[in-house]
């Protein structure tokens, strides 16, 4: 994990033009996968408490990366989606992550990669599968 972080950091700094950091990237990925998504569901996906997540969602909304739409059935609830700018940034962050993971996993042959992917899918719940998709 340290090797992935060390190799990812310089790439992420270059593409994270909005300075949202790793947690902001995780939030964009989660919203991208599950939009429209409630704040409660998002909190479960990214394992953050409501106050942390609320601050981050306000920041992402202020930067124009996500939009919020009120629920038609419950005025207390809203749903989050990525804006076009959010989709672009999420794509850049995902590419940086994919390049880094591929670089770290380069020594593995096709069979070993297939085995690793199988084991990770078995060990990780489906909603934590964000990094494996689109490989």
N, C-alpha and C. Protein backbone atom coordinates (compact mmCIF):
# COMPACT_ATOMS: atom_id res chain seq x y z
N UNK A 1 0.83 -1.19 0.00
CA UNK A 1 0.00 0.00 0.00
C UNK A 1 0.87 1.25 0.00
N UNK A 2 1.98 1.20 0.74
CA UNK A 2 2.87 2.37 0.76
C UNK A 2 3.44 2.65 -0.62
N UNK A 3 3.77 1.59 -1.35
CA UNK A 3 4.32 1.78 -2.69
C UNK A 3 3.28 2.41 -3.62
N UNK A 4 2.05 1.95 -3.52
CA UNK A 4 0.98 2.54 -4.33
C UNK A 4 0.81 4.00 -3.97
N UNK A 5 0.75 4.31 -2.68
CA UNK A 5 0.58 5.69 -2.25
C UNK A 5 1.74 6.57 -2.74
N UNK A 6 2.97 6.08 -2.59
CA UNK A 6 4.14 6.85 -2.99
C UNK A 6 4.14 7.13 -4.49
N UNK A 7 3.70 6.18 -5.27
CA UNK A 7 3.66 6.38 -6.73
C UNK A 7 2.44 7.17 -7.18
N UNK A 8 1.36 7.05 -6.44
CA UNK A 8 0.13 7.75 -6.81
C UNK A 8 0.21 9.24 -6.48
N UNK A 9 0.82 9.57 -5.37
CA UNK A 9 0.81 10.96 -4.89
C UNK A 9 1.25 11.98 -5.95
N UNK A 10 2.40 11.81 -6.61
CA UNK A 10 2.79 12.82 -7.61
C UNK A 10 1.81 12.93 -8.77
N UNK A 11 1.24 11.81 -9.18
CA UNK A 11 0.24 11.84 -10.27
C UNK A 11 -1.02 12.56 -9.80
N UNK A 12 -1.47 12.22 -8.61
CA UNK A 12 -2.70 12.82 -8.08
C UNK A 12 -2.55 14.32 -7.91
N UNK A 13 -1.40 14.77 -7.44
CA UNK A 13 -1.17 16.20 -7.26
C UNK A 13 -1.28 16.92 -8.60
N UNK A 14 -0.77 16.30 -9.66
CA UNK A 14 -0.85 16.92 -11.00
C UNK A 14 -2.28 17.03 -11.52
N UNK A 15 -3.09 15.99 -11.27
CA UNK A 15 -4.44 15.99 -11.84
C UNK A 15 -5.49 16.58 -10.91
N UNK A 16 -5.20 16.67 -9.61
CA UNK A 16 -6.17 17.20 -8.63
C UNK A 16 -6.13 18.73 -8.67
N UNK A 17 -6.62 19.28 -9.76
CA UNK A 17 -6.59 20.73 -9.96
C UNK A 17 -7.48 21.47 -8.98
N UNK A 18 -8.45 20.80 -8.41
CA UNK A 18 -9.37 21.44 -7.46
C UNK A 18 -8.94 21.26 -6.01
N UNK A 19 -7.84 20.54 -5.78
CA UNK A 19 -7.29 20.34 -4.43
C UNK A 19 -8.32 19.71 -3.49
N UNK A 20 -8.91 18.60 -3.93
CA UNK A 20 -9.91 17.92 -3.10
C UNK A 20 -9.32 16.79 -2.28
N UNK A 21 -8.11 16.37 -2.59
CA UNK A 21 -7.43 15.35 -1.81
C UNK A 21 -7.96 13.95 -2.03
N UNK A 22 -7.33 12.98 -1.37
CA UNK A 22 -7.72 11.57 -1.55
C UNK A 22 -9.17 11.28 -1.15
N UNK A 23 -9.63 11.85 -0.05
CA UNK A 23 -11.01 11.58 0.39
C UNK A 23 -11.99 12.21 -0.60
N UNK A 24 -11.67 13.38 -1.09
CA UNK A 24 -12.52 14.00 -2.10
C UNK A 24 -12.61 13.14 -3.35
N UNK A 25 -11.49 12.54 -3.74
CA UNK A 25 -11.50 11.63 -4.88
C UNK A 25 -12.36 10.41 -4.62
N UNK A 26 -12.23 9.84 -3.41
CA UNK A 26 -13.07 8.68 -3.06
C UNK A 26 -14.55 9.05 -3.14
N UNK A 27 -14.89 10.25 -2.68
CA UNK A 27 -16.29 10.68 -2.71
C UNK A 27 -16.75 10.82 -4.17
N UNK A 28 -15.92 11.42 -5.02
CA UNK A 28 -16.30 11.53 -6.43
C UNK A 28 -16.51 10.16 -7.05
N UNK A 29 -15.61 9.22 -6.76
CA UNK A 29 -15.76 7.86 -7.30
C UNK A 29 -17.06 7.22 -6.83
N UNK A 30 -17.36 7.37 -5.55
CA UNK A 30 -18.58 6.77 -4.99
C UNK A 30 -19.83 7.38 -5.60
N UNK A 31 -19.83 8.69 -5.75
CA UNK A 31 -21.00 9.36 -6.37
C UNK A 31 -21.12 8.92 -7.83
N UNK A 32 -20.00 8.84 -8.52
CA UNK A 32 -19.99 8.41 -9.92
C UNK A 32 -20.63 7.02 -10.06
N UNK A 33 -20.29 6.13 -9.15
CA UNK A 33 -20.78 4.75 -9.21
C UNK A 33 -22.26 4.63 -8.84
N UNK A 34 -22.73 5.48 -7.91
CA UNK A 34 -24.06 5.23 -7.32
C UNK A 34 -25.06 6.37 -7.53
N UNK A 35 -24.72 7.38 -8.30
CA UNK A 35 -25.61 8.54 -8.45
C UNK A 35 -26.93 8.16 -9.08
N UNK A 36 -27.99 8.84 -8.68
CA UNK A 36 -28.06 9.81 -7.58
C UNK A 36 -28.00 9.09 -6.24
N UNK A 37 -27.27 9.67 -5.30
CA UNK A 37 -27.01 9.01 -4.02
C UNK A 37 -27.31 9.96 -2.87
N UNK A 38 -27.87 9.42 -1.81
CA UNK A 38 -28.14 10.23 -0.62
C UNK A 38 -26.86 10.38 0.19
N UNK A 39 -26.83 11.38 1.03
CA UNK A 39 -25.67 11.63 1.89
C UNK A 39 -25.45 10.45 2.84
N UNK A 40 -26.52 9.87 3.34
CA UNK A 40 -26.42 8.73 4.25
C UNK A 40 -25.75 7.54 3.56
N UNK A 41 -26.22 7.21 2.36
CA UNK A 41 -25.64 6.09 1.62
C UNK A 41 -24.18 6.39 1.26
N UNK A 42 -23.90 7.62 0.87
CA UNK A 42 -22.54 8.02 0.55
C UNK A 42 -21.62 7.84 1.75
N UNK A 43 -22.11 8.21 2.94
CA UNK A 43 -21.33 8.05 4.17
C UNK A 43 -20.95 6.60 4.42
N UNK A 44 -21.87 5.69 4.12
CA UNK A 44 -21.59 4.26 4.29
C UNK A 44 -20.52 3.80 3.29
N UNK A 45 -20.60 4.30 2.06
CA UNK A 45 -19.65 3.87 1.03
C UNK A 45 -18.22 4.34 1.31
N UNK A 46 -18.10 5.56 1.83
CA UNK A 46 -16.75 6.12 2.03
C UNK A 46 -16.31 6.09 3.49
N UNK A 47 -17.13 5.52 4.35
CA UNK A 47 -16.79 5.34 5.77
C UNK A 47 -16.38 6.65 6.43
N UNK A 48 -17.23 7.65 6.31
CA UNK A 48 -17.00 8.95 6.95
C UNK A 48 -18.25 9.32 7.74
N UNK A 49 -18.04 10.02 8.86
CA UNK A 49 -19.21 10.42 9.64
C UNK A 49 -19.90 11.60 8.95
N UNK A 50 -21.12 11.86 9.41
CA UNK A 50 -21.97 12.84 8.74
C UNK A 50 -21.35 14.24 8.72
N UNK A 51 -20.71 14.67 9.82
CA UNK A 51 -20.14 16.03 9.84
C UNK A 51 -18.97 16.15 8.87
N UNK A 52 -18.09 15.15 8.82
CA UNK A 52 -16.97 15.18 7.86
C UNK A 52 -17.50 15.23 6.43
N UNK A 53 -18.45 14.36 6.17
CA UNK A 53 -18.98 14.25 4.83
C UNK A 53 -19.75 15.50 4.42
N UNK A 54 -20.50 16.08 5.34
CA UNK A 54 -21.25 17.30 5.03
C UNK A 54 -20.30 18.42 4.62
N UNK A 55 -19.20 18.59 5.36
CA UNK A 55 -18.22 19.63 5.00
C UNK A 55 -17.63 19.36 3.62
N UNK A 56 -17.28 18.11 3.36
CA UNK A 56 -16.68 17.77 2.08
C UNK A 56 -17.67 17.94 0.93
N UNK A 57 -18.90 17.55 1.14
CA UNK A 57 -19.92 17.72 0.10
C UNK A 57 -20.14 19.20 -0.19
N UNK A 58 -20.15 20.04 0.84
CA UNK A 58 -20.29 21.49 0.61
C UNK A 58 -19.12 22.01 -0.21
N UNK A 59 -17.91 21.55 0.09
CA UNK A 59 -16.72 21.97 -0.65
C UNK A 59 -16.82 21.54 -2.11
N UNK A 60 -17.18 20.28 -2.34
CA UNK A 60 -17.29 19.77 -3.71
C UNK A 60 -18.40 20.48 -4.48
N UNK A 61 -19.47 20.80 -3.78
CA UNK A 61 -20.57 21.53 -4.40
C UNK A 61 -20.12 22.95 -4.75
N UNK A 62 -19.42 23.60 -3.82
CA UNK A 62 -18.91 24.97 -4.04
C UNK A 62 -17.94 25.01 -5.23
N UNK A 63 -17.17 23.95 -5.41
CA UNK A 63 -16.21 23.89 -6.51
C UNK A 63 -16.87 23.50 -7.83
N UNK A 64 -18.17 23.21 -7.80
CA UNK A 64 -18.89 22.88 -9.01
C UNK A 64 -18.68 21.45 -9.49
N UNK A 65 -18.27 20.56 -8.58
CA UNK A 65 -17.99 19.18 -8.96
C UNK A 65 -19.17 18.24 -8.75
N UNK A 66 -20.07 18.62 -7.84
CA UNK A 66 -21.27 17.81 -7.61
C UNK A 66 -22.49 18.73 -7.56
N UNK A 67 -23.64 18.15 -7.81
CA UNK A 67 -24.89 18.89 -7.69
C UNK A 67 -25.80 18.15 -6.73
N UNK A 68 -26.69 18.90 -6.13
CA UNK A 68 -27.63 18.35 -5.15
C UNK A 68 -29.04 18.63 -5.63
N UNK A 69 -29.87 17.59 -5.59
CA UNK A 69 -31.28 17.72 -5.98
C UNK A 69 -32.13 17.23 -4.82
N UNK A 70 -33.11 18.02 -4.44
CA UNK A 70 -34.00 17.63 -3.35
C UNK A 70 -34.88 16.47 -3.75
N UNK A 71 -35.17 15.62 -2.77
CA UNK A 71 -36.04 14.49 -3.01
C UNK A 71 -37.46 14.99 -3.28
N UNK A 72 -38.13 14.34 -4.21
CA UNK A 72 -39.51 14.70 -4.51
C UNK A 72 -40.47 14.19 -3.44
N UNK A 73 -40.04 13.17 -2.68
CA UNK A 73 -40.93 12.55 -1.71
C UNK A 73 -40.61 12.91 -0.26
N UNK A 74 -39.39 13.40 0.00
CA UNK A 74 -39.00 13.74 1.37
C UNK A 74 -38.15 15.01 1.35
N UNK A 75 -38.72 16.11 1.80
CA UNK A 75 -38.05 17.41 1.74
C UNK A 75 -36.75 17.44 2.56
N UNK A 76 -36.60 16.54 3.51
CA UNK A 76 -35.38 16.52 4.33
C UNK A 76 -34.22 15.84 3.62
N UNK A 77 -34.47 15.21 2.51
CA UNK A 77 -33.46 14.40 1.84
C UNK A 77 -33.09 15.01 0.49
N UNK A 78 -31.82 14.87 0.14
CA UNK A 78 -31.37 15.29 -1.19
C UNK A 78 -30.46 14.21 -1.77
N UNK A 79 -30.28 14.28 -3.07
CA UNK A 79 -29.47 13.31 -3.78
C UNK A 79 -28.34 14.02 -4.52
N UNK A 80 -27.18 13.38 -4.53
CA UNK A 80 -25.98 13.96 -5.11
C UNK A 80 -25.63 13.27 -6.43
N UNK A 81 -25.14 14.07 -7.37
CA UNK A 81 -24.65 13.58 -8.65
C UNK A 81 -23.44 14.40 -9.03
N UNK A 82 -22.62 13.87 -9.93
CA UNK A 82 -21.48 14.62 -10.43
C UNK A 82 -21.94 15.61 -11.49
N UNK A 83 -21.30 16.76 -11.52
CA UNK A 83 -21.48 17.69 -12.62
C UNK A 83 -20.53 17.26 -13.74
N UNK A 84 -20.58 17.94 -14.85
CA UNK A 84 -19.64 17.63 -15.94
C UNK A 84 -18.20 17.81 -15.47
N UNK A 85 -17.94 18.89 -14.73
CA UNK A 85 -16.58 19.12 -14.19
C UNK A 85 -16.18 18.01 -13.23
N UNK A 86 -17.13 17.53 -12.43
CA UNK A 86 -16.86 16.42 -11.52
C UNK A 86 -16.54 15.13 -12.25
N UNK A 87 -17.26 14.89 -13.34
CA UNK A 87 -17.00 13.70 -14.15
C UNK A 87 -15.60 13.76 -14.76
N UNK A 88 -15.21 14.93 -15.23
CA UNK A 88 -13.89 15.09 -15.83
C UNK A 88 -12.80 14.85 -14.80
N UNK A 89 -12.94 15.47 -13.63
CA UNK A 89 -11.93 15.30 -12.58
C UNK A 89 -11.89 13.86 -12.09
N UNK A 90 -13.05 13.23 -11.90
CA UNK A 90 -13.08 11.83 -11.47
C UNK A 90 -12.37 10.95 -12.50
N UNK A 91 -12.57 11.23 -13.77
CA UNK A 91 -11.90 10.47 -14.82
C UNK A 91 -10.39 10.63 -14.76
N UNK A 92 -9.92 11.85 -14.53
CA UNK A 92 -8.48 12.09 -14.43
C UNK A 92 -7.90 11.38 -13.20
N UNK A 93 -8.60 11.45 -12.09
CA UNK A 93 -8.13 10.78 -10.87
C UNK A 93 -8.14 9.26 -11.05
N UNK A 94 -9.18 8.74 -11.70
CA UNK A 94 -9.27 7.30 -11.94
C UNK A 94 -8.12 6.85 -12.85
N UNK A 95 -7.80 7.63 -13.86
CA UNK A 95 -6.69 7.28 -14.75
C UNK A 95 -5.37 7.27 -14.00
N UNK A 96 -5.16 8.26 -13.12
CA UNK A 96 -3.93 8.30 -12.32
C UNK A 96 -3.85 7.07 -11.42
N UNK A 97 -4.96 6.71 -10.81
CA UNK A 97 -4.99 5.53 -9.95
C UNK A 97 -4.74 4.26 -10.77
N UNK A 98 -5.38 4.15 -11.91
CA UNK A 98 -5.22 2.97 -12.76
C UNK A 98 -3.77 2.84 -13.24
N UNK A 99 -3.16 3.95 -13.67
CA UNK A 99 -1.76 3.91 -14.10
C UNK A 99 -0.85 3.44 -12.97
N UNK A 100 -1.09 3.94 -11.78
CA UNK A 100 -0.27 3.58 -10.63
C UNK A 100 -0.42 2.11 -10.28
N UNK A 101 -1.64 1.65 -10.20
CA UNK A 101 -1.88 0.24 -9.87
C UNK A 101 -1.27 -0.66 -10.93
N UNK A 102 -1.45 -0.31 -12.21
CA UNK A 102 -0.87 -1.11 -13.28
C UNK A 102 0.66 -1.14 -13.20
N UNK A 103 1.25 -0.01 -12.83
CA UNK A 103 2.70 0.06 -12.67
C UNK A 103 3.18 -0.84 -11.53
N UNK A 104 2.46 -0.80 -10.42
CA UNK A 104 2.83 -1.62 -9.27
C UNK A 104 2.63 -3.11 -9.58
N UNK A 105 1.58 -3.43 -10.32
CA UNK A 105 1.27 -4.83 -10.62
C UNK A 105 1.96 -5.35 -11.88
N UNK A 106 2.76 -4.52 -12.53
CA UNK A 106 3.42 -4.90 -13.78
C UNK A 106 4.17 -6.23 -13.71
N UNK A 107 4.86 -6.53 -12.60
CA UNK A 107 5.60 -7.81 -12.55
C UNK A 107 4.71 -9.06 -12.63
N UNK A 108 3.42 -8.92 -12.38
CA UNK A 108 2.52 -10.09 -12.39
C UNK A 108 2.13 -10.44 -13.82
N UNK A 109 2.06 -11.75 -14.11
CA UNK A 109 1.60 -12.18 -15.42
C UNK A 109 0.07 -12.21 -15.44
N UNK A 110 -0.50 -12.51 -16.60
CA UNK A 110 -1.95 -12.47 -16.77
C UNK A 110 -2.68 -13.39 -15.80
N UNK A 111 -2.17 -14.60 -15.60
CA UNK A 111 -2.81 -15.55 -14.68
C UNK A 111 -2.76 -15.03 -13.25
N UNK A 112 -1.62 -14.48 -12.84
CA UNK A 112 -1.50 -13.94 -11.48
C UNK A 112 -2.44 -12.75 -11.27
N UNK A 113 -2.57 -11.90 -12.29
CA UNK A 113 -3.51 -10.77 -12.20
C UNK A 113 -4.95 -11.26 -12.06
N UNK A 114 -5.29 -12.28 -12.82
CA UNK A 114 -6.64 -12.84 -12.75
C UNK A 114 -6.91 -13.41 -11.35
N UNK A 115 -5.93 -14.10 -10.80
CA UNK A 115 -6.06 -14.67 -9.45
C UNK A 115 -6.21 -13.56 -8.42
N UNK A 116 -5.38 -12.51 -8.53
CA UNK A 116 -5.45 -11.39 -7.60
C UNK A 116 -6.82 -10.71 -7.68
N UNK A 117 -7.29 -10.46 -8.88
CA UNK A 117 -8.60 -9.82 -9.04
C UNK A 117 -9.70 -10.69 -8.44
N UNK A 118 -9.63 -12.00 -8.68
CA UNK A 118 -10.62 -12.93 -8.12
C UNK A 118 -10.61 -12.86 -6.58
N UNK A 119 -9.42 -12.88 -6.00
CA UNK A 119 -9.31 -12.84 -4.54
C UNK A 119 -9.80 -11.51 -3.97
N UNK A 120 -9.48 -10.41 -4.63
CA UNK A 120 -9.94 -9.10 -4.15
C UNK A 120 -11.45 -8.99 -4.24
N UNK A 121 -12.03 -9.47 -5.32
CA UNK A 121 -13.50 -9.43 -5.45
C UNK A 121 -14.16 -10.30 -4.37
N UNK A 122 -13.52 -11.39 -4.03
CA UNK A 122 -14.05 -12.27 -2.99
C UNK A 122 -13.94 -11.62 -1.61
N UNK A 123 -12.85 -10.90 -1.36
CA UNK A 123 -12.60 -10.31 -0.05
C UNK A 123 -13.32 -8.99 0.16
N UNK A 124 -13.57 -8.24 -0.91
CA UNK A 124 -14.18 -6.91 -0.78
C UNK A 124 -15.66 -6.97 -1.09
N UNK A 125 -16.47 -6.30 -0.28
CA UNK A 125 -17.91 -6.23 -0.60
C UNK A 125 -18.11 -5.51 -1.93
N UNK A 126 -19.19 -5.80 -2.62
CA UNK A 126 -19.42 -5.20 -3.94
C UNK A 126 -19.37 -3.67 -3.95
N UNK A 127 -19.84 -2.99 -2.90
CA UNK A 127 -19.84 -1.53 -2.92
C UNK A 127 -18.46 -0.93 -2.67
N UNK A 128 -17.45 -1.76 -2.38
CA UNK A 128 -16.08 -1.28 -2.25
C UNK A 128 -15.24 -1.70 -3.45
N UNK A 129 -15.89 -1.95 -4.54
CA UNK A 129 -15.27 -2.49 -5.75
C UNK A 129 -14.85 -1.37 -6.70
N UNK A 130 -14.80 -0.13 -6.24
CA UNK A 130 -14.60 1.01 -7.13
C UNK A 130 -13.28 0.96 -7.88
N UNK A 131 -12.22 0.50 -7.24
CA UNK A 131 -10.91 0.50 -7.87
C UNK A 131 -10.79 -0.60 -8.93
N UNK A 132 -11.52 -1.68 -8.78
CA UNK A 132 -11.36 -2.79 -9.70
C UNK A 132 -12.13 -2.60 -11.00
N UNK A 133 -13.18 -1.83 -10.97
CA UNK A 133 -14.01 -1.67 -12.15
C UNK A 133 -13.29 -0.91 -13.25
N UNK A 134 -13.55 -1.29 -14.48
CA UNK A 134 -13.00 -0.59 -15.62
C UNK A 134 -11.51 -0.79 -15.82
N UNK A 135 -10.97 -1.83 -15.24
CA UNK A 135 -9.54 -2.08 -15.33
C UNK A 135 -9.08 -2.40 -16.71
